[in-house]
């Protein structure tokens, strides 16, 4: 068992970037509160973390597409008497397709997951962190937060929200010992595209261009621990953002349209 009393709470912790982040925290002797929808997946990952790193792992199955489950998560953590030292808002999803064609219920669910649940959870733990004047928050933004995203209009907009919110919250907390960091990966080799129904997109067809989730997690973890405001993961993505900063949004949107349209277009 870990002697460390510090806990990191990670949403979307059973796969992709969230899973890789959980490994980094466990390796550094943090106890974990891992959150995802499937209790079975949570238990199998928890066993892996316990046996490999000897840390305490608490599993909480919640469907964060539903706001009430985000509130329930906060209550459950408080009821267990756990002090969350690091909060990682990693859970997120996209919906691929033209806005006019996509299912509105799916898009509202994604908005609730990517924005509403993130707000609910952050507000709860920020209040606790401010009361004791310590804590760290890592929010999963994306390089999508910097550009309009045809074929993923709602997803890009939610990530723009996450980035803007993270920077504003960081400024509000600048005179405290609490830091807020936004991690901005590009296209990463995770189950994201499958869940978004995006496997036909030109952006995903070139497997070699996808980032390794372990590399993305490492960049985010290091930025978080250094107390940085944000980090763009990957050299290619850094270049894309730098060029994007001097390109008009209408042009960026058209470029993104070409990148993200289906291959047979």
C-alpha atoms as a PDB file:
ATOM      1  CA  UNK A   1       0.000   0.000   0.000  1.00  0.00           C
ATOM      2  CA  UNK A   2       1.118   3.516  -0.772  1.00  0.00           C
ATOM      3  CA  UNK A   3       2.238   5.671   2.140  1.00  0.00           C
ATOM      4  CA  UNK A   4       1.280   8.735   0.155  1.00  0.00           C
ATOM      5  CA  UNK A   5      -1.999  10.259   1.267  1.00  0.00           C
ATOM      6  CA  UNK A   6      -2.388  12.217  -1.985  1.00  0.00           C
ATOM      7  CA  UNK A   7      -5.253  11.338  -4.297  1.00  0.00           C
ATOM      8  CA  UNK A   8      -5.684  12.041  -8.000  1.00  0.00           C
ATOM      9  CA  UNK A   9      -9.195  11.794  -9.429  1.00  0.00           C
ATOM     10  CA  UNK A  10      -9.249  10.986 -13.144  1.00  0.00           C
ATOM     11  CA  UNK A  11     -12.356  10.805 -15.326  1.00  0.00           C
ATOM     12  CA  UNK A  12     -12.312   8.576 -18.398  1.00  0.00           C
ATOM     13  CA  UNK A  13      -9.502   6.630 -16.758  1.00  0.00           C
ATOM     14  CA  UNK A  14      -9.897   3.181 -18.296  1.00  0.00           C
ATOM     15  CA  UNK A  15      -8.524   3.891 -21.775  1.00  0.00           C
ATOM     16  CA  UNK A  16      -6.509   6.256 -23.948  1.00  0.00           C
ATOM     17  CA  UNK A  17      -4.943   9.378 -22.472  1.00  0.00           C
ATOM     18  CA  UNK A  18      -6.824   9.008 -19.164  1.00  0.00           C
ATOM     19  CA  UNK A  19      -5.440   5.513 -18.593  1.00  0.00           C
ATOM     20  CA  UNK A  20      -1.893   6.661 -19.419  1.00  0.00           C
ATOM     21  CA  UNK A  21      -2.258   9.612 -17.018  1.00  0.00           C
ATOM     22  CA  UNK A  22      -3.485   7.281 -14.265  1.00  0.00           C
ATOM     23  CA  UNK A  23      -0.357   5.147 -14.762  1.00  0.00           C
ATOM     24  CA  UNK A  24       1.893   8.211 -14.350  1.00  0.00           C
ATOM     25  CA  UNK A  25       0.172   9.245 -11.117  1.00  0.00           C
ATOM     26  CA  UNK A  26       0.331   5.688  -9.731  1.00  0.00           C
ATOM     27  CA  UNK A  27       4.018   5.464 -10.658  1.00  0.00           C
ATOM     28  CA  UNK A  28       4.576   8.652  -8.625  1.00  0.00           C
ATOM     29  CA  UNK A  29       2.800   7.027  -5.685  1.00  0.00           C
ATOM     30  CA  UNK A  30      -0.516   8.868  -5.922  1.00  0.00           C
ATOM     31  CA  UNK A  31      -3.583   6.972  -4.760  1.00  0.00           C
ATOM     32  CA  UNK A  32      -6.248   7.011  -7.458  1.00  0.00           C
ATOM     33  CA  UNK A  33      -9.943   7.648  -7.782  1.00  0.00           C
ATOM     34  CA  UNK A  34     -10.737   6.415 -11.276  1.00  0.00           C
ATOM     35  CA  UNK A  35     -14.050   7.161 -12.968  1.00  0.00           C
ATOM     36  CA  UNK A  36     -15.595   5.644 -16.113  1.00  0.00           C
ATOM     37  CA  UNK A  37     -18.900   4.148 -17.207  1.00  0.00           C
ATOM     38  CA  UNK A  38     -18.028   0.452 -16.984  1.00  0.00           C
ATOM     39  CA  UNK A  39     -17.537  -1.039 -13.498  1.00  0.00           C
ATOM     40  CA  UNK A  40     -15.939  -4.115 -15.062  1.00  0.00           C
ATOM     41  CA  UNK A  41     -13.299  -2.098 -16.921  1.00  0.00           C
ATOM     42  CA  UNK A  42     -12.662   0.028 -13.823  1.00  0.00           C
ATOM     43  CA  UNK A  43     -12.066  -3.077 -11.682  1.00  0.00           C
ATOM     44  CA  UNK A  44      -9.659  -4.655 -14.146  1.00  0.00           C
ATOM     45  CA  UNK A  45      -7.618  -1.439 -14.494  1.00  0.00           C
ATOM     46  CA  UNK A  46      -7.692  -0.892 -10.705  1.00  0.00           C
ATOM     47  CA  UNK A  47      -6.242  -4.368 -10.164  1.00  0.00           C
ATOM     48  CA  UNK A  48      -3.474  -3.555 -12.635  1.00  0.00           C
ATOM     49  CA  UNK A  49      -2.597  -0.301 -10.805  1.00  0.00           C
ATOM     50  CA  UNK A  50      -2.696  -1.942  -7.366  1.00  0.00           C
ATOM     51  CA  UNK A  51      -0.505  -4.895  -8.296  1.00  0.00           C
ATOM     52  CA  UNK A  52       1.966  -2.905 -10.386  1.00  0.00           C
ATOM     53  CA  UNK A  53       2.335   0.225  -8.238  1.00  0.00           C
ATOM     54  CA  UNK A  54       0.981  -0.722  -4.785  1.00  0.00           C
ATOM     55  CA  UNK A  55      -1.294   2.310  -4.577  1.00  0.00           C
ATOM     56  CA  UNK A  56      -4.829   2.511  -3.277  1.00  0.00           C
ATOM     57  CA  UNK A  57      -7.388   2.660  -6.090  1.00  0.00           C
ATOM     58  CA  UNK A  58     -11.026   3.606  -5.634  1.00  0.00           C
ATOM     59  CA  UNK A  59     -13.356   2.904  -8.560  1.00  0.00           C
ATOM     60  CA  UNK A  60     -16.521   4.903  -9.188  1.00  0.00           C
ATOM     61  CA  UNK A  61     -18.725   3.989 -12.155  1.00  0.00           C
ATOM     62  CA  UNK A  62     -20.593   7.036 -13.424  1.00  0.00           C
ATOM     63  CA  UNK A  63     -22.037   8.028 -16.797  1.00  0.00           C
ATOM     64  CA  UNK A  64     -20.889  11.637 -17.105  1.00  0.00           C
ATOM     65  CA  UNK A  65     -23.081  12.163 -20.165  1.00  0.00           C
ATOM     66  CA  UNK A  66     -25.683  12.766 -17.429  1.00  0.00           C
ATOM     67  CA  UNK A  67     -25.288  15.847 -15.250  1.00  0.00           C
ATOM     68  CA  UNK A  68     -26.901  14.186 -12.234  1.00  0.00           C
ATOM     69  CA  UNK A  69     -24.195  11.502 -12.290  1.00  0.00           C
ATOM     70  CA  UNK A  70     -21.501  14.213 -12.142  1.00  0.00           C
ATOM     71  CA  UNK A  71     -23.177  15.615  -9.017  1.00  0.00           C
ATOM     72  CA  UNK A  72     -23.457  12.063  -7.622  1.00  0.00           C
ATOM     73  CA  UNK A  73     -19.725  11.501  -8.234  1.00  0.00           C
ATOM     74  CA  UNK A  74     -18.862  14.584  -6.163  1.00  0.00           C
ATOM     75  CA  UNK A  75     -21.133  13.451  -3.329  1.00  0.00           C
ATOM     76  CA  UNK A  76     -19.680   9.955  -3.342  1.00  0.00           C
ATOM     77  CA  UNK A  77     -16.082  11.173  -3.124  1.00  0.00           C
ATOM     78  CA  UNK A  78     -16.997  13.518  -0.251  1.00  0.00           C
ATOM     79  CA  UNK A  79     -18.913  10.741   1.532  1.00  0.00           C
ATOM     80  CA  UNK A  80     -15.786   8.572   1.379  1.00  0.00           C
ATOM     81  CA  UNK A  81     -13.819  11.350   3.095  1.00  0.00           C
ATOM     82  CA  UNK A  82     -11.280  11.598   0.266  1.00  0.00           C
ATOM     83  CA  UNK A  83      -9.298  14.786  -0.293  1.00  0.00           C
ATOM     84  CA  UNK A  84      -8.714  15.169  -4.020  1.00  0.00           C
ATOM     85  CA  UNK A  85      -5.286  16.782  -4.468  1.00  0.00           C
ATOM     86  CA  UNK A  86      -5.263  16.572  -8.255  1.00  0.00           C
ATOM     87  CA  UNK A  87      -8.335  16.659 -10.463  1.00  0.00           C
ATOM     88  CA  UNK A  88      -8.017  15.431 -14.046  1.00  0.00           C
ATOM     89  CA  UNK A  89     -11.026  16.173 -16.266  1.00  0.00           C
ATOM     90  CA  UNK A  90     -10.169  13.810 -19.086  1.00  0.00           C
ATOM     91  CA  UNK A  91     -13.522  12.274 -20.113  1.00  0.00           C
ATOM     92  CA  UNK A  92     -14.729  13.628 -23.444  1.00  0.00           C
ATOM     93  CA  UNK A  93     -16.250  12.566 -26.721  1.00  0.00           C
ATOM     94  CA  UNK A  94     -16.970  13.856 -30.216  1.00  0.00           C
ATOM     95  CA  UNK A  95     -19.642  13.344 -32.875  1.00  0.00           C
ATOM     96  CA  UNK A  96     -18.575  13.197 -36.494  1.00  0.00           C
ATOM     97  CA  UNK A  97     -20.697  14.429 -39.378  1.00  0.00           C
ATOM     98  CA  UNK A  98     -22.329  17.553 -40.712  1.00  0.00           C
ATOM     99  CA  UNK A  99     -24.178  19.480 -38.009  1.00  0.00           C
ATOM    100  CA  UNK A 100     -27.434  19.404 -39.998  1.00  0.00           C
ATOM    101  CA  UNK A 101     -27.304  15.572 -40.160  1.00  0.00           C
ATOM    102  CA  UNK A 102     -26.122  14.686 -36.653  1.00  0.00           C
ATOM    103  CA  UNK A 103     -28.472  13.496 -33.932  1.00  0.00           C
ATOM    104  CA  UNK A 104     -29.249  16.383 -31.567  1.00  0.00           C
ATOM    105  CA  UNK A 105     -29.533  14.085 -28.528  1.00  0.00           C
ATOM    106  CA  UNK A 106     -26.012  12.789 -29.169  1.00  0.00           C
ATOM    107  CA  UNK A 107     -24.694  16.360 -29.511  1.00  0.00           C
ATOM    108  CA  UNK A 108     -26.454  17.474 -26.322  1.00  0.00           C
ATOM    109  CA  UNK A 109     -24.964  14.447 -24.539  1.00  0.00           C
ATOM    110  CA  UNK A 110     -21.488  15.411 -25.742  1.00  0.00           C
ATOM    111  CA  UNK A 111     -22.060  18.988 -24.552  1.00  0.00           C
ATOM    112  CA  UNK A 112     -23.107  17.674 -21.146  1.00  0.00           C
ATOM    113  CA  UNK A 113     -20.060  15.392 -20.958  1.00  0.00           C
ATOM    114  CA  UNK A 114     -17.437  17.806 -22.301  1.00  0.00           C
ATOM    115  CA  UNK A 115     -18.784  20.966 -20.628  1.00  0.00           C
ATOM    116  CA  UNK A 116     -21.528  20.516 -18.006  1.00  0.00           C
ATOM    117  CA  UNK A 117     -20.016  17.577 -16.114  1.00  0.00           C
ATOM    118  CA  UNK A 118     -16.574  19.177 -16.243  1.00  0.00           C
ATOM    119  CA  UNK A 119     -18.043  22.343 -14.686  1.00  0.00           C
ATOM    120  CA  UNK A 120     -19.947  20.450 -11.981  1.00  0.00           C
ATOM    121  CA  UNK A 121     -16.918  18.396 -10.934  1.00  0.00           C
ATOM    122  CA  UNK A 122     -14.481  21.318 -11.130  1.00  0.00           C
ATOM    123  CA  UNK A 123     -16.710  23.602  -9.065  1.00  0.00           C
ATOM    124  CA  UNK A 124     -17.063  20.999  -6.321  1.00  0.00           C
ATOM    125  CA  UNK A 125     -13.346  20.318  -5.983  1.00  0.00           C
ATOM    126  CA  UNK A 126     -12.204  23.915  -6.535  1.00  0.00           C
ATOM    127  CA  UNK A 127     -14.258  24.915  -3.470  1.00  0.00           C
ATOM    128  CA  UNK A 128     -12.434  22.261  -1.427  1.00  0.00           C
ATOM    129  CA  UNK A 129      -9.054  23.256  -2.875  1.00  0.00           C
ATOM    130  CA  UNK A 130      -9.637  26.955  -2.148  1.00  0.00           C
ATOM    131  CA  UNK A 131     -10.655  26.170   1.428  1.00  0.00           C
ATOM    132  CA  UNK A 132      -7.248  24.551   2.057  1.00  0.00           C
ATOM    133  CA  UNK A 133      -5.304  26.623  -0.534  1.00  0.00           C
ATOM    134  CA  UNK A 134      -3.761  23.716  -2.418  1.00  0.00           C
ATOM    135  CA  UNK A 135      -4.497  21.590  -5.438  1.00  0.00           C
ATOM    136  CA  UNK A 136      -3.918  21.024  -9.125  1.00  0.00           C
ATOM    137  CA  UNK A 137      -6.365  20.711 -12.017  1.00  0.00           C
ATOM    138  CA  UNK A 138      -5.678  19.288 -15.484  1.00  0.00           C
ATOM    139  CA  UNK A 139      -8.358  19.830 -18.119  1.00  0.00           C
ATOM    140  CA  UNK A 140      -8.251  17.988 -21.434  1.00  0.00           C
ATOM    141  CA  UNK A 141      -8.669  20.643 -24.089  1.00  0.00           C
ATOM    142  CA  UNK A 142      -7.362  19.899 -27.582  1.00  0.00           C
ATOM    143  CA  UNK A 143      -5.736  21.665 -30.489  1.00  0.00           C
ATOM    144  CA  UNK A 144      -9.376  21.561 -31.679  1.00  0.00           C
ATOM    145  CA  UNK A 145      -9.982  24.315 -29.123  1.00  0.00           C
ATOM    146  CA  UNK A 146      -8.026  26.739 -31.307  1.00  0.00           C
ATOM    147  CA  UNK A 147      -9.815  26.248 -34.649  1.00  0.00           C
ATOM    148  CA  UNK A 148     -13.393  25.988 -35.913  1.00  0.00           C
ATOM    149  CA  UNK A 149     -14.130  22.353 -36.800  1.00  0.00           C
ATOM    150  CA  UNK A 150     -16.417  21.549 -39.725  1.00  0.00           C
ATOM    151  CA  UNK A 151     -17.562  17.877 -39.493  1.00  0.00           C
ATOM    152  CA  UNK A 152     -16.978  18.157 -35.719  1.00  0.00           C
ATOM    153  CA  UNK A 153     -18.560  21.563 -35.104  1.00  0.00           C
ATOM    154  CA  UNK A 154     -19.914  20.764 -31.639  1.00  0.00           C
ATOM    155  CA  UNK A 155     -16.789  18.942 -30.408  1.00  0.00           C
ATOM    156  CA  UNK A 156     -14.439  21.757 -31.437  1.00  0.00           C
ATOM    157  CA  UNK A 157     -16.759  24.295 -29.788  1.00  0.00           C
ATOM    158  CA  UNK A 158     -16.819  22.328 -26.525  1.00  0.00           C
ATOM    159  CA  UNK A 159     -13.025  22.197 -26.463  1.00  0.00           C
ATOM    160  CA  UNK A 160     -12.825  25.955 -27.120  1.00  0.00           C
ATOM    161  CA  UNK A 161     -15.025  26.293 -24.034  1.00  0.00           C
ATOM    162  CA  UNK A 162     -12.697  24.064 -21.982  1.00  0.00           C
ATOM    163  CA  UNK A 163      -9.610  26.073 -22.955  1.00  0.00           C
ATOM    164  CA  UNK A 164     -11.253  29.454 -22.311  1.00  0.00           C
ATOM    165  CA  UNK A 165     -12.706  28.266 -18.998  1.00  0.00           C
ATOM    166  CA  UNK A 166      -9.351  26.816 -17.863  1.00  0.00           C
ATOM    167  CA  UNK A 167      -7.483  30.043 -18.578  1.00  0.00           C
ATOM    168  CA  UNK A 168     -10.129  32.174 -16.856  1.00  0.00           C
ATOM    169  CA  UNK A 169     -10.204  29.929 -13.779  1.00  0.00           C
ATOM    170  CA  UNK A 170      -6.413  29.954 -13.627  1.00  0.00           C
ATOM    171  CA  UNK A 171      -6.462  33.766 -13.563  1.00  0.00           C
ATOM    172  CA  UNK A 172      -9.074  33.803 -10.786  1.00  0.00           C
ATOM    173  CA  UNK A 173      -6.856  31.486  -8.732  1.00  0.00           C
ATOM    174  CA  UNK A 174      -3.524  33.167  -9.480  1.00  0.00           C
ATOM    175  CA  UNK A 175      -3.024  34.415  -5.917  1.00  0.00           C
ATOM    176  CA  UNK A 176      -3.581  30.937  -4.481  1.00  0.00           C
ATOM    177  CA  UNK A 177      -1.527  27.746  -4.422  1.00  0.00           C
ATOM    178  CA  UNK A 178      -3.927  26.130  -6.915  1.00  0.00           C
ATOM    179  CA  UNK A 179      -2.903  25.694 -10.555  1.00  0.00           C
ATOM    180  CA  UNK A 180      -5.025  24.981 -13.623  1.00  0.00           C
ATOM    181  CA  UNK A 181      -3.420  23.423 -16.704  1.00  0.00           C
ATOM    182  CA  UNK A 182      -4.983  22.719 -20.111  1.00  0.00           C
ATOM    183  CA  UNK A 183      -3.589  19.832 -22.163  1.00  0.00           C
ATOM    184  CA  UNK A 184      -3.991  20.268 -25.931  1.00  0.00           C
ATOM    185  CA  UNK A 185      -3.304  17.088 -27.864  1.00  0.00           C
ATOM    186  CA  UNK A 186      -3.859  16.671 -31.576  1.00  0.00           C
ATOM    187  CA  UNK A 187      -5.274  13.524 -33.195  1.00  0.00           C
ATOM    188  CA  UNK A 188      -4.247  10.662 -30.888  1.00  0.00           C
ATOM    189  CA  UNK A 189      -4.331   6.893 -31.360  1.00  0.00           C
ATOM    190  CA  UNK A 190      -7.231   6.135 -28.979  1.00  0.00           C
ATOM    191  CA  UNK A 191     -10.796   4.854 -29.242  1.00  0.00           C
ATOM    192  CA  UNK A 192     -12.002   8.473 -29.656  1.00  0.00           C
ATOM    193  CA  UNK A 193     -12.488   8.264 -33.437  1.00  0.00           C
ATOM    194  CA  UNK A 194     -14.313   4.967 -33.207  1.00  0.00           C
ATOM    195  CA  UNK A 195     -16.723   6.345 -30.584  1.00  0.00           C
ATOM    196  CA  UNK A 196     -17.199   9.525 -32.625  1.00  0.00           C
ATOM    197  CA  UNK A 197     -18.006   7.461 -35.750  1.00  0.00           C
ATOM    198  CA  UNK A 198     -15.081   9.164 -37.429  1.00  0.00           C
ATOM    199  CA  UNK A 199     -13.038   6.301 -38.839  1.00  0.00           C
ATOM    200  CA  UNK A 200     -13.741   7.383 -42.464  1.00  0.00           C
ATOM    201  CA  UNK A 201     -12.292  10.856 -41.911  1.00  0.00           C
ATOM    202  CA  UNK A 202      -9.159  11.786 -43.861  1.00  0.00           C
ATOM    203  CA  UNK A 203      -7.593  12.980 -40.580  1.00  0.00           C
ATOM    204  CA  UNK A 204      -7.773   9.446 -39.142  1.00  0.00           C
ATOM    205  CA  UNK A 205      -6.830   7.371 -42.190  1.00  0.00           C
ATOM    206  CA  UNK A 206      -3.158   8.255 -41.854  1.00  0.00           C
ATOM    207  CA  UNK A 207      -2.334   6.184 -38.777  1.00  0.00           C
ATOM    208  CA  UNK A 208       1.275   7.397 -38.766  1.00  0.00           C
ATOM    209  CA  UNK A 209       0.132  10.938 -38.069  1.00  0.00           C
ATOM    210  CA  UNK A 210      -1.648   9.980 -34.828  1.00  0.00           C
ATOM    211  CA  UNK A 211       0.061  10.731 -31.501  1.00  0.00           C
ATOM    212  CA  UNK A 212       0.821   8.021 -28.961  1.00  0.00           C
ATOM    213  CA  UNK A 213      -1.480   8.483 -25.918  1.00  0.00           C
ATOM    214  CA  UNK A 214       1.426   7.732 -23.550  1.00  0.00           C
ATOM    215  CA  UNK A 215       3.426  10.632 -25.048  1.00  0.00           C
ATOM    216  CA  UNK A 216       0.426  12.976 -24.762  1.00  0.00           C
ATOM    217  CA  UNK A 217      -0.135  11.935 -21.137  1.00  0.00           C
ATOM    218  CA  UNK A 218       3.548  12.532 -20.320  1.00  0.00           C
ATOM    219  CA  UNK A 219       3.410  16.055 -21.793  1.00  0.00           C
ATOM    220  CA  UNK A 220       0.267  16.826 -19.802  1.00  0.00           C
ATOM    221  CA  UNK A 221       1.614  15.338 -16.591  1.00  0.00           C
ATOM    222  CA  UNK A 222       4.864  17.277 -16.782  1.00  0.00           C
ATOM    223  CA  UNK A 223       3.043  20.557 -17.544  1.00  0.00           C
ATOM    224  CA  UNK A 224       0.637  19.933 -14.659  1.00  0.00           C
ATOM    225  CA  UNK A 225       3.431  19.226 -12.182  1.00  0.00           C
ATOM    226  CA  UNK A 226       5.329  22.324 -13.383  1.00  0.00           C
ATOM    227  CA  UNK A 227       2.183  24.419 -12.855  1.00  0.00           C
ATOM    228  CA  UNK A 228       2.036  25.569 -16.498  1.00  0.00           C
ATOM    229  CA  UNK A 229      -1.088  27.175 -17.943  1.00  0.00           C
ATOM    230  CA  UNK A 230      -1.289  24.980 -21.051  1.00  0.00           C
ATOM    231  CA  UNK A 231       0.692  22.639 -23.216  1.00  0.00           C
ATOM    232  CA  UNK A 232       0.294  21.679 -26.871  1.00  0.00           C
ATOM    233  CA  UNK A 233       1.446  18.061 -27.152  1.00  0.00           C
ATOM    234  CA  UNK A 234       3.657  17.147 -30.100  1.00  0.00           C
ATOM    235  CA  UNK A 235       5.930  19.177 -32.377  1.00  0.00           C
ATOM    236  CA  UNK A 236       3.657  18.944 -35.436  1.00  0.00           C
ATOM    237  CA  UNK A 237       0.727  20.234 -33.378  1.00  0.00           C
ATOM    238  CA  UNK A 238       2.807  23.102 -31.972  1.00  0.00           C
ATOM    239  CA  UNK A 239       3.653  24.169 -35.532  1.00  0.00           C
ATOM    240  CA  UNK A 240      -0.013  23.882 -36.570  1.00  0.00           C
ATOM    241  CA  UNK A 241      -1.126  26.109 -33.670  1.00  0.00           C
ATOM    242  CA  UNK A 242       1.621  28.663 -34.348  1.00  0.00           C
ATOM    243  CA  UNK A 243       0.563  28.900 -38.004  1.00  0.00           C
ATOM    244  CA  UNK A 244      -3.088  28.948 -36.981  1.00  0.00           C
ATOM    245  CA  UNK A 245      -2.488  32.007 -34.816  1.00  0.00           C
ATOM    246  CA  UNK A 246      -1.672  34.041 -37.912  1.00  0.00           C
ATOM    247  CA  UNK A 247      -4.322  32.540 -40.218  1.00  0.00           C
ATOM    248  CA  UNK A 248      -7.877  33.950 -40.447  1.00  0.00           C
ATOM    249  CA  UNK A 249     -10.521  31.708 -38.824  1.00  0.00           C
ATOM    250  CA  UNK A 250     -12.516  31.414 -42.068  1.00  0.00           C
ATOM    251  CA  UNK A 251      -9.446  29.991 -43.797  1.00  0.00           C
ATOM    252  CA  UNK A 252      -8.700  27.677 -40.853  1.00  0.00           C
ATOM    253  CA  UNK A 253     -12.284  26.393 -40.964  1.00  0.00           C
ATOM    254  CA  UNK A 254     -11.986  25.643 -44.693  1.00  0.00           C
ATOM    255  CA  UNK A 255      -8.654  23.854 -44.180  1.00  0.00           C
ATOM    256  CA  UNK A 256     -10.191  21.808 -41.352  1.00  0.00           C
ATOM    257  CA  UNK A 257     -13.175  21.000 -43.590  1.00  0.00           C
ATOM    258  CA  UNK A 258     -10.828  19.418 -46.153  1.00  0.00           C
ATOM    259  CA  UNK A 259      -8.890  17.524 -43.461  1.00  0.00           C
ATOM    260  CA  UNK A 260     -11.935  16.116 -41.726  1.00  0.00           C
ATOM    261  CA  UNK A 261     -14.270  15.287 -44.601  1.00  0.00           C
ATOM    262  CA  UNK A 262     -14.789  11.584 -45.416  1.00  0.00           C
ATOM    263  CA  UNK A 263     -12.173   9.958 -47.651  1.00  0.00           C
ATOM    264  CA  UNK A 264     -14.661   9.225 -50.458  1.00  0.00           C
ATOM    265  CA  UNK A 265     -15.653  12.907 -50.746  1.00  0.00           C
END
